[in-house]
Amino acid sequence: MFVRVKNGQVELRDRNGCYQTFASGKNINYAVIQGNEVVCNSDDGRTYIYEFNSSGKSVYGPTHVVS
């Protein structure tokens, strides 16, 4: 699994395609998987943290927002 930022949104992907698109409207410019979380930085300087669900193929949240 890996993440890709496209048009300000985050795509959770693997080599077969996109599993989930999230963070719509948050203008994300950078995202990285760290353990069981996806950490996303936005244009306005906020950091959004999303957590993987039990299947590991989708995320929920944001569970934390850091300004």
C-alpha atoms as a PDB file:
ATOM      1  CA  MET A   1       0.000   0.000   0.000  1.00  0.00           C
ATOM      2  CA  PHE A   2       1.047   3.560  -0.672  1.00  0.00           C
ATOM      3  CA  VAL A   3      -0.544   7.009  -0.779  1.00  0.00           C
ATOM      4  CA  ARG A   4      -0.561   9.574  -3.557  1.00  0.00           C
ATOM      5  CA  VAL A   5      -1.797  13.156  -3.458  1.00  0.00           C
ATOM      6  CA  LYS A   6      -3.849  14.196  -6.457  1.00  0.00           C
ATOM      7  CA  ASN A   7      -5.798  17.460  -6.780  1.00  0.00           C
ATOM      8  CA  GLY A   8      -5.514  18.141  -3.042  1.00  0.00           C
ATOM      9  CA  GLN A   9      -6.953  14.756  -2.052  1.00  0.00           C
ATOM     10  CA  VAL A  10      -5.208  11.601  -0.875  1.00  0.00           C
ATOM     11  CA  GLU A  11      -5.481   8.275  -2.693  1.00  0.00           C
ATOM     12  CA  LEU A  12      -4.802   5.038  -0.835  1.00  0.00           C
ATOM     13  CA  ARG A  13      -3.476   2.680  -3.516  1.00  0.00           C
ATOM     14  CA  ASP A  14      -1.669  -0.505  -4.348  1.00  0.00           C
ATOM     15  CA  ARG A  15      -0.380  -1.758  -7.681  1.00  0.00           C
ATOM     16  CA  ASN A  16      -3.901  -2.856  -8.680  1.00  0.00           C
ATOM     17  CA  GLY A  17      -5.460   0.586  -8.261  1.00  0.00           C
ATOM     18  CA  CYS A  18      -7.108   2.970  -5.831  1.00  0.00           C
ATOM     19  CA  TYR A  19      -8.848   1.625  -2.717  1.00  0.00           C
ATOM     20  CA  GLN A  20      -9.980   4.919  -1.235  1.00  0.00           C
ATOM     21  CA  THR A  21      -9.862   8.667  -1.836  1.00  0.00           C
ATOM     22  CA  PHE A  22     -10.062  10.877   1.248  1.00  0.00           C
ATOM     23  CA  ALA A  23      -9.300  14.320   2.712  1.00  0.00           C
ATOM     24  CA  SER A  24     -11.534  15.990   0.136  1.00  0.00           C
ATOM     25  CA  GLY A  25     -11.567  19.774   0.456  1.00  0.00           C
ATOM     26  CA  LYS A  26      -8.537  19.924   2.756  1.00  0.00           C
ATOM     27  CA  ASN A  27      -5.993  20.919   0.039  1.00  0.00           C
ATOM     28  CA  ILE A  28      -3.441  18.285   0.988  1.00  0.00           C
ATOM     29  CA  ASN A  29       0.028  18.732  -0.514  1.00  0.00           C
ATOM     30  CA  TYR A  30       1.909  15.859   1.159  1.00  0.00           C
ATOM     31  CA  ALA A  31       0.934  12.488   2.649  1.00  0.00           C
ATOM     32  CA  VAL A  32       2.900   9.558   4.053  1.00  0.00           C
ATOM     33  CA  ILE A  33       2.056   6.236   5.711  1.00  0.00           C
ATOM     34  CA  GLN A  34       3.538   5.938   9.205  1.00  0.00           C
ATOM     35  CA  GLY A  35       2.704   2.642  10.898  1.00  0.00           C
ATOM     36  CA  ASN A  36      -1.091   2.326  11.075  1.00  0.00           C
ATOM     37  CA  GLU A  37      -1.687   5.993  10.213  1.00  0.00           C
ATOM     38  CA  VAL A  38      -1.626   8.275   7.194  1.00  0.00           C
ATOM     39  CA  VAL A  39      -0.187  11.697   8.023  1.00  0.00           C
ATOM     40  CA  CYS A  40      -1.288  14.483   5.663  1.00  0.00           C
ATOM     41  CA  ASN A  41      -0.060  18.080   5.511  1.00  0.00           C
ATOM     42  CA  SER A  42      -2.272  20.758   3.990  1.00  0.00           C
ATOM     43  CA  ASP A  43      -1.586  24.070   2.279  1.00  0.00           C
ATOM     44  CA  ASP A  44      -2.727  25.976   5.385  1.00  0.00           C
ATOM     45  CA  GLY A  45      -0.136  24.265   7.625  1.00  0.00           C
ATOM     46  CA  ARG A  46      -2.470  21.806   9.331  1.00  0.00           C
ATOM     47  CA  THR A  47      -1.582  18.155   9.790  1.00  0.00           C
ATOM     48  CA  TYR A  48      -4.399  15.609   9.501  1.00  0.00           C
ATOM     49  CA  ILE A  49      -3.927  12.090  10.842  1.00  0.00           C
ATOM     50  CA  TYR A  50      -6.070   9.237   9.514  1.00  0.00           C
ATOM     51  CA  GLU A  51      -6.013   5.704  10.946  1.00  0.00           C
ATOM     52  CA  PHE A  52      -6.242   2.421   9.059  1.00  0.00           C
ATOM     53  CA  ASN A  53      -9.255   0.259   9.818  1.00  0.00           C
ATOM     54  CA  SER A  54      -8.805  -3.392  10.812  1.00  0.00           C
ATOM     55  CA  SER A  55      -8.642  -4.625   7.198  1.00  0.00           C
ATOM     56  CA  GLY A  56      -5.751  -2.288   6.431  1.00  0.00           C
ATOM     57  CA  LYS A  57      -7.354  -1.344   3.107  1.00  0.00           C
ATOM     58  CA  SER A  58      -9.116   1.865   4.121  1.00  0.00           C
ATOM     59  CA  VAL A  59      -8.750   4.687   6.618  1.00  0.00           C
ATOM     60  CA  TYR A  60     -11.086   6.665   8.857  1.00  0.00           C
ATOM     61  CA  GLY A  61     -10.826  10.092  10.358  1.00  0.00           C
ATOM     62  CA  PRO A  62      -9.169  12.439  10.626  1.00  0.00           C
ATOM     63  CA  THR A  63      -8.606  11.170  14.146  1.00  0.00           C
ATOM     64  CA  HIS A  64      -6.308  14.111  14.971  1.00  0.00           C
ATOM     65  CA  VAL A  65      -5.795  17.583  13.549  1.00  0.00           C
ATOM     66  CA  VAL A  66      -2.699  19.580  14.477  1.00  0.00           C
ATOM     67  CA  SER A  67      -2.610  23.283  13.638  1.00  0.00           C
END
